[in-house]
């Protein structure tokens, strides 16, 4: 979707993780496929060689994680099959020679305008909200709820006429605001830029604050079926999250007060101190605001 493209592309200039995702499934991957389609005959040998090297690098025992969520009887069968598969991979390793590690190109942050034939914009601003000694807290999840249903909703959807608006603040500091089917461009960016002022002066009725806390915890603690539990545990393992960390986040959400939200203005200032813009939208609209961008191109 266009709003995911805009947010992901902005974050690709912020962190290596997001850049890697962009190379795998984002705009960079699309550009790679377009180039291969256009020059396949002259590049097919290089492509085949690269893919062969890639499979040798990926299919290695030390890189392998197998995750299975099932009843004990099924797990015993799975274990037998998995051991046979691992043995095949081990044999494959003896033939594989890794001569180089994956290195992503160093990106210089750039504000991008991606032009389409559509009549609306998807306006994203990405940044790092945890620079310096700033740390992650569950209150950021409450702030996400507040932003989505108060500040962004009021200014971008109600006043601005956009169809939707979203934000996120991740544990690694990656953060973004993004609008959905937005008739505006520069006006939306200006709304993003004043977020820290809103957070610093945040005041609300205690009843509404309770609603925001309940709305946040309801998305954090939900009943999970076995498949979802397995996916959650796998994600926690990959992300090095333990139960203590999750409980700490849960507690900080439940105990969140208005002063905790106001204290997050520092995280918002961090995010806005060095940000990247990406707008996917109408060609004429982007051309009108060309001064906002370091580069523009057609999708």
C-alpha atoms as a PDB file:
ATOM      1  CA  UNK A   1       0.000   0.000   0.000  1.00  0.00           C
ATOM      2  CA  UNK A   2       1.130   3.564  -0.664  1.00  0.00           C
ATOM      3  CA  UNK A   3       1.166   4.671   2.988  1.00  0.00           C
ATOM      4  CA  UNK A   4       3.332   1.662   3.911  1.00  0.00           C
ATOM      5  CA  UNK A   5       5.667   2.508   1.033  1.00  0.00           C
ATOM      6  CA  UNK A   6       5.971   6.120   2.194  1.00  0.00           C
ATOM      7  CA  UNK A   7       6.631   5.220   5.840  1.00  0.00           C
ATOM      8  CA  UNK A   8       9.005   2.373   4.996  1.00  0.00           C
ATOM      9  CA  UNK A   9      10.972   4.458   2.534  1.00  0.00           C
ATOM     10  CA  UNK A  10      11.397   7.303   5.027  1.00  0.00           C
ATOM     11  CA  UNK A  11      12.636   4.879   7.696  1.00  0.00           C
ATOM     12  CA  UNK A  12      15.030   3.243   5.213  1.00  0.00           C
ATOM     13  CA  UNK A  13      17.181   6.373   5.553  1.00  0.00           C
ATOM     14  CA  UNK A  14      17.004   6.192   9.364  1.00  0.00           C
ATOM     15  CA  UNK A  15      18.115   2.643  10.203  1.00  0.00           C
ATOM     16  CA  UNK A  16      19.882  -0.365   8.688  1.00  0.00           C
ATOM     17  CA  UNK A  17      16.954  -2.621   9.642  1.00  0.00           C
ATOM     18  CA  UNK A  18      14.508  -0.544   7.624  1.00  0.00           C
ATOM     19  CA  UNK A  19      16.981  -0.209   4.768  1.00  0.00           C
ATOM     20  CA  UNK A  20      17.301  -3.987   4.663  1.00  0.00           C
ATOM     21  CA  UNK A  21      13.502  -4.341   4.576  1.00  0.00           C
ATOM     22  CA  UNK A  22      13.352  -1.844   1.714  1.00  0.00           C
ATOM     23  CA  UNK A  23      15.930  -3.878  -0.204  1.00  0.00           C
ATOM     24  CA  UNK A  24      13.861  -7.048   0.332  1.00  0.00           C
ATOM     25  CA  UNK A  25      10.272  -5.898  -0.233  1.00  0.00           C
ATOM     26  CA  UNK A  26      10.242  -2.137  -0.728  1.00  0.00           C
ATOM     27  CA  UNK A  27      10.989   0.468  -3.379  1.00  0.00           C
ATOM     28  CA  UNK A  28      14.600  -0.676  -3.785  1.00  0.00           C
ATOM     29  CA  UNK A  29      13.428  -4.211  -4.529  1.00  0.00           C
ATOM     30  CA  UNK A  30      10.895  -2.889  -7.039  1.00  0.00           C
ATOM     31  CA  UNK A  31      13.658  -0.927  -8.766  1.00  0.00           C
ATOM     32  CA  UNK A  32      15.833  -4.064  -8.824  1.00  0.00           C
ATOM     33  CA  UNK A  33      13.034  -6.081 -10.449  1.00  0.00           C
ATOM     34  CA  UNK A  34      12.352  -3.336 -12.987  1.00  0.00           C
ATOM     35  CA  UNK A  35      16.029  -3.214 -13.917  1.00  0.00           C
ATOM     36  CA  UNK A  36      16.211  -7.009 -14.253  1.00  0.00           C
ATOM     37  CA  UNK A  37      13.095  -7.087 -16.433  1.00  0.00           C
ATOM     38  CA  UNK A  38      14.532  -4.424 -18.709  1.00  0.00           C
ATOM     39  CA  UNK A  39      18.060  -5.856 -18.942  1.00  0.00           C
ATOM     40  CA  UNK A  40      17.492  -9.544 -18.242  1.00  0.00           C
ATOM     41  CA  UNK A  41      19.363 -10.939 -21.237  1.00  0.00           C
ATOM     42  CA  UNK A  42      22.565  -9.078 -20.423  1.00  0.00           C
ATOM     43  CA  UNK A  43      22.351  -9.659 -16.652  1.00  0.00           C
ATOM     44  CA  UNK A  44      20.978 -13.178 -16.344  1.00  0.00           C
ATOM     45  CA  UNK A  45      24.370 -14.850 -15.831  1.00  0.00           C
ATOM     46  CA  UNK A  46      25.270 -12.414 -13.059  1.00  0.00           C
ATOM     47  CA  UNK A  47      21.832 -12.931 -11.516  1.00  0.00           C
ATOM     48  CA  UNK A  48      22.206 -16.725 -11.510  1.00  0.00           C
ATOM     49  CA  UNK A  49      25.665 -16.521  -9.966  1.00  0.00           C
ATOM     50  CA  UNK A  50      24.457 -14.087  -7.295  1.00  0.00           C
ATOM     51  CA  UNK A  51      21.467 -16.281  -6.426  1.00  0.00           C
ATOM     52  CA  UNK A  52      23.701 -19.336  -6.100  1.00  0.00           C
ATOM     53  CA  UNK A  53      25.997 -17.477  -3.713  1.00  0.00           C
ATOM     54  CA  UNK A  54      23.002 -16.168  -1.802  1.00  0.00           C
ATOM     55  CA  UNK A  55      21.442 -19.584  -1.220  1.00  0.00           C
ATOM     56  CA  UNK A  56      24.777 -20.864   0.100  1.00  0.00           C
ATOM     57  CA  UNK A  57      24.942 -17.959   2.499  1.00  0.00           C
ATOM     58  CA  UNK A  58      21.369 -18.361   3.730  1.00  0.00           C
ATOM     59  CA  UNK A  59      21.127 -22.150   4.039  1.00  0.00           C
ATOM     60  CA  UNK A  60      23.672 -22.607   6.812  1.00  0.00           C
ATOM     61  CA  UNK A  61      23.220 -24.401  10.100  1.00  0.00           C
ATOM     62  CA  UNK A  62      24.403 -21.484  12.225  1.00  0.00           C
ATOM     63  CA  UNK A  63      21.823 -19.204  10.574  1.00  0.00           C
ATOM     64  CA  UNK A  64      18.912 -21.589  10.990  1.00  0.00           C
ATOM     65  CA  UNK A  65      15.979 -21.144  13.362  1.00  0.00           C
ATOM     66  CA  UNK A  66      13.118 -23.634  13.262  1.00  0.00           C
ATOM     67  CA  UNK A  67       9.887 -22.678  15.021  1.00  0.00           C
ATOM     68  CA  UNK A  68       7.009 -25.086  15.605  1.00  0.00           C
ATOM     69  CA  UNK A  69       3.828 -24.628  17.638  1.00  0.00           C
ATOM     70  CA  UNK A  70       1.939 -27.886  18.041  1.00  0.00           C
ATOM     71  CA  UNK A  71       0.918 -30.755  20.317  1.00  0.00           C
ATOM     72  CA  UNK A  72       3.720 -32.854  21.817  1.00  0.00           C
ATOM     73  CA  UNK A  73       3.004 -35.879  19.591  1.00  0.00           C
ATOM     74  CA  UNK A  74       3.312 -33.752  16.468  1.00  0.00           C
ATOM     75  CA  UNK A  75       6.484 -32.124  17.774  1.00  0.00           C
ATOM     76  CA  UNK A  76       8.233 -35.488  18.105  1.00  0.00           C
ATOM     77  CA  UNK A  77       7.532 -36.167  14.415  1.00  0.00           C
ATOM     78  CA  UNK A  78       8.629 -32.665  13.482  1.00  0.00           C
ATOM     79  CA  UNK A  79      11.888 -33.107  15.410  1.00  0.00           C
ATOM     80  CA  UNK A  80      12.761 -36.255  13.448  1.00  0.00           C
ATOM     81  CA  UNK A  81      12.080 -34.546  10.118  1.00  0.00           C
ATOM     82  CA  UNK A  82      13.966 -31.412  11.199  1.00  0.00           C
ATOM     83  CA  UNK A  83      17.055 -33.381  12.209  1.00  0.00           C
ATOM     84  CA  UNK A  84      17.183 -34.947   8.749  1.00  0.00           C
ATOM     85  CA  UNK A  85      16.818 -31.556   7.113  1.00  0.00           C
ATOM     86  CA  UNK A  86      19.568 -30.059   9.298  1.00  0.00           C
ATOM     87  CA  UNK A  87      21.878 -32.917   8.319  1.00  0.00           C
ATOM     88  CA  UNK A  88      21.338 -32.105   4.644  1.00  0.00           C
ATOM     89  CA  UNK A  89      22.128 -28.455   5.304  1.00  0.00           C
ATOM     90  CA  UNK A  90      25.296 -29.439   7.186  1.00  0.00           C
ATOM     91  CA  UNK A  91      26.450 -31.456   4.162  1.00  0.00           C
ATOM     92  CA  UNK A  92      25.678 -28.492   1.947  1.00  0.00           C
ATOM     93  CA  UNK A  93      27.830 -26.248   4.162  1.00  0.00           C
ATOM     94  CA  UNK A  94      30.994 -28.221   3.443  1.00  0.00           C
ATOM     95  CA  UNK A  95      30.647 -27.269  -0.219  1.00  0.00           C
ATOM     96  CA  UNK A  96      29.768 -23.642   0.415  1.00  0.00           C
ATOM     97  CA  UNK A  97      32.418 -20.960   0.551  1.00  0.00           C
ATOM     98  CA  UNK A  98      31.348 -17.561   1.785  1.00  0.00           C
ATOM     99  CA  UNK A  99      33.796 -15.055   0.406  1.00  0.00           C
ATOM    100  CA  UNK A 100      32.016 -11.879   1.491  1.00  0.00           C
ATOM    101  CA  UNK A 101      29.368 -10.647   3.871  1.00  0.00           C
ATOM    102  CA  UNK A 102      26.291  -8.700   2.916  1.00  0.00           C
ATOM    103  CA  UNK A 103      26.998  -4.999   2.971  1.00  0.00           C
ATOM    104  CA  UNK A 104      24.248  -2.468   2.426  1.00  0.00           C
ATOM    105  CA  UNK A 105      25.149   0.728   0.584  1.00  0.00           C
ATOM    106  CA  UNK A 106      25.584   3.737   2.835  1.00  0.00           C
ATOM    107  CA  UNK A 107      22.589   5.980   2.327  1.00  0.00           C
ATOM    108  CA  UNK A 108      22.604   9.746   2.586  1.00  0.00           C
ATOM    109  CA  UNK A 109      19.238  10.835   4.054  1.00  0.00           C
ATOM    110  CA  UNK A 110      17.078  12.321   1.334  1.00  0.00           C
ATOM    111  CA  UNK A 111      13.538  13.661   1.264  1.00  0.00           C
ATOM    112  CA  UNK A 112      11.706  11.912  -1.561  1.00  0.00           C
ATOM    113  CA  UNK A 113       8.661  12.708  -3.631  1.00  0.00           C
ATOM    114  CA  UNK A 114       7.309   9.648  -5.448  1.00  0.00           C
ATOM    115  CA  UNK A 115       4.947  10.775  -8.198  1.00  0.00           C
ATOM    116  CA  UNK A 116       1.821   8.867  -9.222  1.00  0.00           C
ATOM    117  CA  UNK A 117      -1.245   9.469 -11.361  1.00  0.00           C
ATOM    118  CA  UNK A 118      -3.450   9.506  -8.248  1.00  0.00           C
ATOM    119  CA  UNK A 119      -5.187  12.583  -6.898  1.00  0.00           C
ATOM    120  CA  UNK A 120      -4.237  12.156  -3.226  1.00  0.00           C
ATOM    121  CA  UNK A 121      -1.071  11.991  -1.133  1.00  0.00           C
ATOM    122  CA  UNK A 122       0.403   9.613   1.417  1.00  0.00           C
ATOM    123  CA  UNK A 123       2.649  11.858   3.490  1.00  0.00           C
ATOM    124  CA  UNK A 124       5.241  10.254   5.782  1.00  0.00           C
ATOM    125  CA  UNK A 125       7.804  11.671   8.178  1.00  0.00           C
ATOM    126  CA  UNK A 126      10.306   9.299   9.783  1.00  0.00           C
ATOM    127  CA  UNK A 127      12.875   9.818  12.507  1.00  0.00           C
ATOM    128  CA  UNK A 128      14.658   8.371  15.534  1.00  0.00           C
ATOM    129  CA  UNK A 129      12.836   9.154  18.781  1.00  0.00           C
ATOM    130  CA  UNK A 130      15.481   7.590  21.042  1.00  0.00           C
ATOM    131  CA  UNK A 131      18.665   9.544  20.362  1.00  0.00           C
ATOM    132  CA  UNK A 132      21.199  10.003  23.133  1.00  0.00           C
ATOM    133  CA  UNK A 133      20.125   8.687  26.527  1.00  0.00           C
ATOM    134  CA  UNK A 134      16.407   8.570  25.713  1.00  0.00           C
ATOM    135  CA  UNK A 135      14.832   5.184  26.343  1.00  0.00           C
ATOM    136  CA  UNK A 136      11.763   3.258  25.254  1.00  0.00           C
ATOM    137  CA  UNK A 137       8.738   3.137  27.533  1.00  0.00           C
ATOM    138  CA  UNK A 138       5.246   1.710  27.256  1.00  0.00           C
ATOM    139  CA  UNK A 139       3.946   5.279  27.515  1.00  0.00           C
ATOM    140  CA  UNK A 140       4.949   5.641  23.850  1.00  0.00           C
ATOM    141  CA  UNK A 141       2.252   3.108  23.004  1.00  0.00           C
ATOM    142  CA  UNK A 142      -0.284   5.224  24.865  1.00  0.00           C
ATOM    143  CA  UNK A 143       0.990   8.264  22.968  1.00  0.00           C
ATOM    144  CA  UNK A 144       0.458   6.368  19.721  1.00  0.00           C
ATOM    145  CA  UNK A 145      -3.192   5.873  20.680  1.00  0.00           C
ATOM    146  CA  UNK A 146      -3.562   9.524  21.675  1.00  0.00           C
ATOM    147  CA  UNK A 147      -1.966  10.741  18.458  1.00  0.00           C
ATOM    148  CA  UNK A 148      -4.111   8.459  16.309  1.00  0.00           C
ATOM    149  CA  UNK A 149      -7.410   9.440  17.931  1.00  0.00           C
ATOM    150  CA  UNK A 150      -6.774  13.024  18.976  1.00  0.00           C
ATOM    151  CA  UNK A 151      -3.957  15.125  17.535  1.00  0.00           C
ATOM    152  CA  UNK A 152      -3.458  13.489  14.139  1.00  0.00           C
ATOM    153  CA  UNK A 153      -7.141  12.638  13.808  1.00  0.00           C
ATOM    154  CA  UNK A 154      -8.280  16.194  14.540  1.00  0.00           C
ATOM    155  CA  UNK A 155      -5.696  17.999  12.435  1.00  0.00           C
ATOM    156  CA  UNK A 156      -5.153  15.671   9.497  1.00  0.00           C
ATOM    157  CA  UNK A 157      -8.450  13.835   9.103  1.00  0.00           C
ATOM    158  CA  UNK A 158     -11.088  16.204  10.503  1.00  0.00           C
ATOM    159  CA  UNK A 159      -9.516  19.535   9.516  1.00  0.00           C
ATOM    160  CA  UNK A 160      -7.321  18.375   6.656  1.00  0.00           C
ATOM    161  CA  UNK A 161      -9.740  15.985   4.982  1.00  0.00           C
ATOM    162  CA  UNK A 162      -7.426  12.972   4.782  1.00  0.00           C
ATOM    163  CA  UNK A 163      -9.013   9.536   4.858  1.00  0.00           C
ATOM    164  CA  UNK A 164      -6.725   8.355   7.652  1.00  0.00           C
ATOM    165  CA  UNK A 165      -3.583   8.983   9.691  1.00  0.00           C
ATOM    166  CA  UNK A 166      -1.207   6.692  11.592  1.00  0.00           C
ATOM    167  CA  UNK A 167       1.963   6.711  13.656  1.00  0.00           C
ATOM    168  CA  UNK A 168       4.296   4.325  15.445  1.00  0.00           C
ATOM    169  CA  UNK A 169       7.199   4.509  17.904  1.00  0.00           C
ATOM    170  CA  UNK A 170       9.294   1.332  17.954  1.00  0.00           C
ATOM    171  CA  UNK A 171      11.697  -0.058  20.553  1.00  0.00           C
ATOM    172  CA  UNK A 172      14.728   0.670  18.368  1.00  0.00           C
ATOM    173  CA  UNK A 173      13.723   4.325  18.003  1.00  0.00           C
ATOM    174  CA  UNK A 174      12.312   4.043  14.489  1.00  0.00           C
ATOM    175  CA  UNK A 175       9.257   6.297  14.420  1.00  0.00           C
ATOM    176  CA  UNK A 176       6.938   7.696  11.804  1.00  0.00           C
ATOM    177  CA  UNK A 177       3.804   9.689  11.070  1.00  0.00           C
ATOM    178  CA  UNK A 178       1.905   8.963   7.866  1.00  0.00           C
ATOM    179  CA  UNK A 179      -1.348  10.163   6.322  1.00  0.00           C
ATOM    180  CA  UNK A 180      -3.653   8.112   4.102  1.00  0.00           C
ATOM    181  CA  UNK A 181      -5.410   9.436   0.993  1.00  0.00           C
ATOM    182  CA  UNK A 182      -4.547  12.983   1.961  1.00  0.00           C
ATOM    183  CA  UNK A 183      -5.572  15.979  -0.207  1.00  0.00           C
ATOM    184  CA  UNK A 184      -2.775  18.031   1.382  1.00  0.00           C
ATOM    185  CA  UNK A 185       1.006  17.846   1.449  1.00  0.00           C
ATOM    186  CA  UNK A 186       2.887  20.747   3.054  1.00  0.00           C
ATOM    187  CA  UNK A 187       0.026  21.373   5.483  1.00  0.00           C
ATOM    188  CA  UNK A 188       0.301  17.817   6.792  1.00  0.00           C
ATOM    189  CA  UNK A 189       4.058  18.100   7.255  1.00  0.00           C
ATOM    190  CA  UNK A 190       3.519  21.257   9.308  1.00  0.00           C
ATOM    191  CA  UNK A 191       1.139  19.315  11.571  1.00  0.00           C
ATOM    192  CA  UNK A 192       3.865  16.720  12.145  1.00  0.00           C
ATOM    193  CA  UNK A 193       6.425  19.402  12.979  1.00  0.00           C
ATOM    194  CA  UNK A 194       4.358  20.776  15.879  1.00  0.00           C
ATOM    195  CA  UNK A 195       3.845  17.414  17.596  1.00  0.00           C
ATOM    196  CA  UNK A 196       6.383  18.111  20.357  1.00  0.00           C
ATOM    197  CA  UNK A 197       4.511  21.287  21.355  1.00  0.00           C
ATOM    198  CA  UNK A 198       1.261  19.335  21.611  1.00  0.00           C
ATOM    199  CA  UNK A 199       2.887  16.619  23.719  1.00  0.00           C
ATOM    200  CA  UNK A 200       4.679  19.091  25.994  1.00  0.00           C
ATOM    201  CA  UNK A 201       1.400  20.866  26.812  1.00  0.00           C
ATOM    202  CA  UNK A 202      -0.777  17.737  26.832  1.00  0.00           C
ATOM    203  CA  UNK A 203      -3.773  18.084  29.143  1.00  0.00           C
ATOM    204  CA  UNK A 204      -6.954  16.063  29.030  1.00  0.00           C
ATOM    205  CA  UNK A 205      -9.884  15.004  31.170  1.00  0.00           C
ATOM    206  CA  UNK A 206      -8.967  12.076  33.456  1.00  0.00           C
ATOM    207  CA  UNK A 207     -11.851  10.025  32.063  1.00  0.00           C
ATOM    208  CA  UNK A 208     -10.521  10.438  28.507  1.00  0.00           C
ATOM    209  CA  UNK A 209      -7.013   9.573  29.699  1.00  0.00           C
ATOM    210  CA  UNK A 210      -8.368   6.329  31.125  1.00  0.00           C
ATOM    211  CA  UNK A 211      -9.999   5.575  27.767  1.00  0.00           C
ATOM    212  CA  UNK A 212      -6.676   6.036  25.981  1.00  0.00           C
ATOM    213  CA  UNK A 213      -4.924   3.709  28.441  1.00  0.00           C
ATOM    214  CA  UNK A 214      -7.638   1.063  28.096  1.00  0.00           C
ATOM    215  CA  UNK A 215      -7.576   1.405  24.313  1.00  0.00           C
ATOM    216  CA  UNK A 216      -3.823   0.841  24.329  1.00  0.00           C
ATOM    217  CA  UNK A 217      -3.763  -2.150  26.663  1.00  0.00           C
ATOM    218  CA  UNK A 218      -6.598  -3.782  24.714  1.00  0.00           C
ATOM    219  CA  UNK A 219      -4.324  -3.990  21.666  1.00  0.00           C
ATOM    220  CA  UNK A 220      -1.372  -5.197  23.760  1.00  0.00           C
ATOM    221  CA  UNK A 221      -3.057  -7.926  25.802  1.00  0.00           C
ATOM    222  CA  UNK A 222      -5.440  -9.887  23.608  1.00  0.00           C
ATOM    223  CA  UNK A 223      -6.350 -13.589  23.663  1.00  0.00           C
ATOM    224  CA  UNK A 224      -4.127 -15.512  21.244  1.00  0.00           C
ATOM    225  CA  UNK A 225      -4.731 -18.791  19.459  1.00  0.00           C
ATOM    226  CA  UNK A 226      -1.833 -21.295  19.298  1.00  0.00           C
ATOM    227  CA  UNK A 227      -0.628 -19.988  15.934  1.00  0.00           C
ATOM    228  CA  UNK A 228      -0.523 -16.390  17.184  1.00  0.00           C
ATOM    229  CA  UNK A 229       1.265 -17.469  20.380  1.00  0.00           C
ATOM    230  CA  UNK A 230       3.921 -19.206  18.318  1.00  0.00           C
ATOM    231  CA  UNK A 231       4.399 -16.151  16.123  1.00  0.00           C
ATOM    232  CA  UNK A 232       4.634 -13.893  19.181  1.00  0.00           C
ATOM    233  CA  UNK A 233       7.217 -16.098  20.896  1.00  0.00           C
ATOM    234  CA  UNK A 234       9.261 -16.381  17.701  1.00  0.00           C
ATOM    235  CA  UNK A 235       9.238 -12.598  17.295  1.00  0.00           C
ATOM    236  CA  UNK A 236      10.289 -12.135  20.922  1.00  0.00           C
ATOM    237  CA  UNK A 237      13.142 -14.609  20.449  1.00  0.00           C
ATOM    238  CA  UNK A 238      14.410 -12.857  17.327  1.00  0.00           C
ATOM    239  CA  UNK A 239      14.034  -9.433  18.967  1.00  0.00           C
ATOM    240  CA  UNK A 240      15.650 -10.568  22.239  1.00  0.00           C
ATOM    241  CA  UNK A 241      12.557  -9.653  24.252  1.00  0.00           C
ATOM    242  CA  UNK A 242      11.842 -11.553  27.448  1.00  0.00           C
ATOM    243  CA  UNK A 243       8.768 -11.730  29.672  1.00  0.00           C
ATOM    244  CA  UNK A 244      10.239  -9.243  32.132  1.00  0.00           C
ATOM    245  CA  UNK A 245      10.591  -6.626  29.391  1.00  0.00           C
ATOM    246  CA  UNK A 246       7.058  -7.246  28.157  1.00  0.00           C
ATOM    247  CA  UNK A 247       5.674  -6.982  31.684  1.00  0.00           C
ATOM    248  CA  UNK A 248       7.559  -3.723  32.231  1.00  0.00           C
ATOM    249  CA  UNK A 249       5.948  -2.319  29.080  1.00  0.00           C
ATOM    250  CA  UNK A 250       2.541  -3.582  30.206  1.00  0.00           C
ATOM    251  CA  UNK A 251       2.922  -1.956  33.631  1.00  0.00           C
ATOM    252  CA  UNK A 252       4.014   1.381  32.175  1.00  0.00           C
ATOM    253  CA  UNK A 253       0.928   1.391  29.943  1.00  0.00           C
ATOM    254  CA  UNK A 254      -1.469   0.635  32.801  1.00  0.00           C
ATOM    255  CA  UNK A 255       0.193   3.172  35.119  1.00  0.00           C
ATOM    256  CA  UNK A 256       0.518   5.879  32.455  1.00  0.00           C
ATOM    257  CA  UNK A 257      -0.504   9.357  33.609  1.00  0.00           C
ATOM    258  CA  UNK A 258      -0.716  12.673  31.796  1.00  0.00           C
ATOM    259  CA  UNK A 259       2.687  13.744  33.146  1.00  0.00           C
ATOM    260  CA  UNK A 260       4.199  10.608  31.571  1.00  0.00           C
ATOM    261  CA  UNK A 261       2.832  11.699  28.197  1.00  0.00           C
ATOM    262  CA  UNK A 262       4.124  15.245  28.654  1.00  0.00           C
ATOM    263  CA  UNK A 263       7.579  13.867  29.449  1.00  0.00           C
ATOM    264  CA  UNK A 264       7.665  12.277  25.984  1.00  0.00           C
ATOM    265  CA  UNK A 265       8.104  15.659  24.321  1.00  0.00           C
ATOM    266  CA  UNK A 266      11.848  14.923  24.441  1.00  0.00           C
ATOM    267  CA  UNK A 267      11.323  11.799  22.335  1.00  0.00           C
ATOM    268  CA  UNK A 268       9.275  13.845  19.874  1.00  0.00           C
ATOM    269  CA  UNK A 269      11.970  16.524  19.698  1.00  0.00           C
ATOM    270  CA  UNK A 270      14.511  13.768  19.067  1.00  0.00           C
ATOM    271  CA  UNK A 271      12.396  12.410  16.229  1.00  0.00           C
ATOM    272  CA  UNK A 272      11.978  15.839  14.648  1.00  0.00           C
ATOM    273  CA  UNK A 273      15.596  16.944  15.086  1.00  0.00           C
ATOM    274  CA  UNK A 274      16.674  14.893  12.056  1.00  0.00           C
ATOM    275  CA  UNK A 275      13.760  13.612  10.024  1.00  0.00           C
ATOM    276  CA  UNK A 276      13.227  12.247   6.544  1.00  0.00           C
ATOM    277  CA  UNK A 277      10.174  12.899   4.384  1.00  0.00           C
ATOM    278  CA  UNK A 278       8.656  10.599   1.807  1.00  0.00           C
ATOM    279  CA  UNK A 279       5.503  11.523  -0.058  1.00  0.00           C
ATOM    280  CA  UNK A 280       3.739   9.222  -2.495  1.00  0.00           C
ATOM    281  CA  UNK A 281       1.220  11.280  -4.383  1.00  0.00           C
ATOM    282  CA  UNK A 282      -0.081  13.352  -7.230  1.00  0.00           C
ATOM    283  CA  UNK A 283       2.584  14.406  -9.719  1.00  0.00           C
ATOM    284  CA  UNK A 284       1.411  18.014  -9.966  1.00  0.00           C
ATOM    285  CA  UNK A 285       1.116  18.371  -6.195  1.00  0.00           C
ATOM    286  CA  UNK A 286       4.654  17.110  -5.673  1.00  0.00           C
ATOM    287  CA  UNK A 287       5.983  19.406  -8.398  1.00  0.00           C
ATOM    288  CA  UNK A 288       4.286  22.363  -6.685  1.00  0.00           C
ATOM    289  CA  UNK A 289       6.130  21.511  -3.453  1.00  0.00           C
ATOM    290  CA  UNK A 290       9.379  20.461  -5.130  1.00  0.00           C
ATOM    291  CA  UNK A 291      11.456  22.587  -2.740  1.00  0.00           C
ATOM    292  CA  UNK A 292      10.592  20.146   0.060  1.00  0.00           C
ATOM    293  CA  UNK A 293      12.373  17.259  -1.663  1.00  0.00           C
ATOM    294  CA  UNK A 294      15.937  16.297  -2.421  1.00  0.00           C
ATOM    295  CA  UNK A 295      14.744  14.085  -5.260  1.00  0.00           C
ATOM    296  CA  UNK A 296      11.530  13.196  -7.039  1.00  0.00           C
ATOM    297  CA  UNK A 297      10.718  10.350  -9.414  1.00  0.00           C
ATOM    298  CA  UNK A 298       7.787   8.536 -10.975  1.00  0.00           C
ATOM    299  CA  UNK A 299       6.560   5.282  -9.489  1.00  0.00           C
END
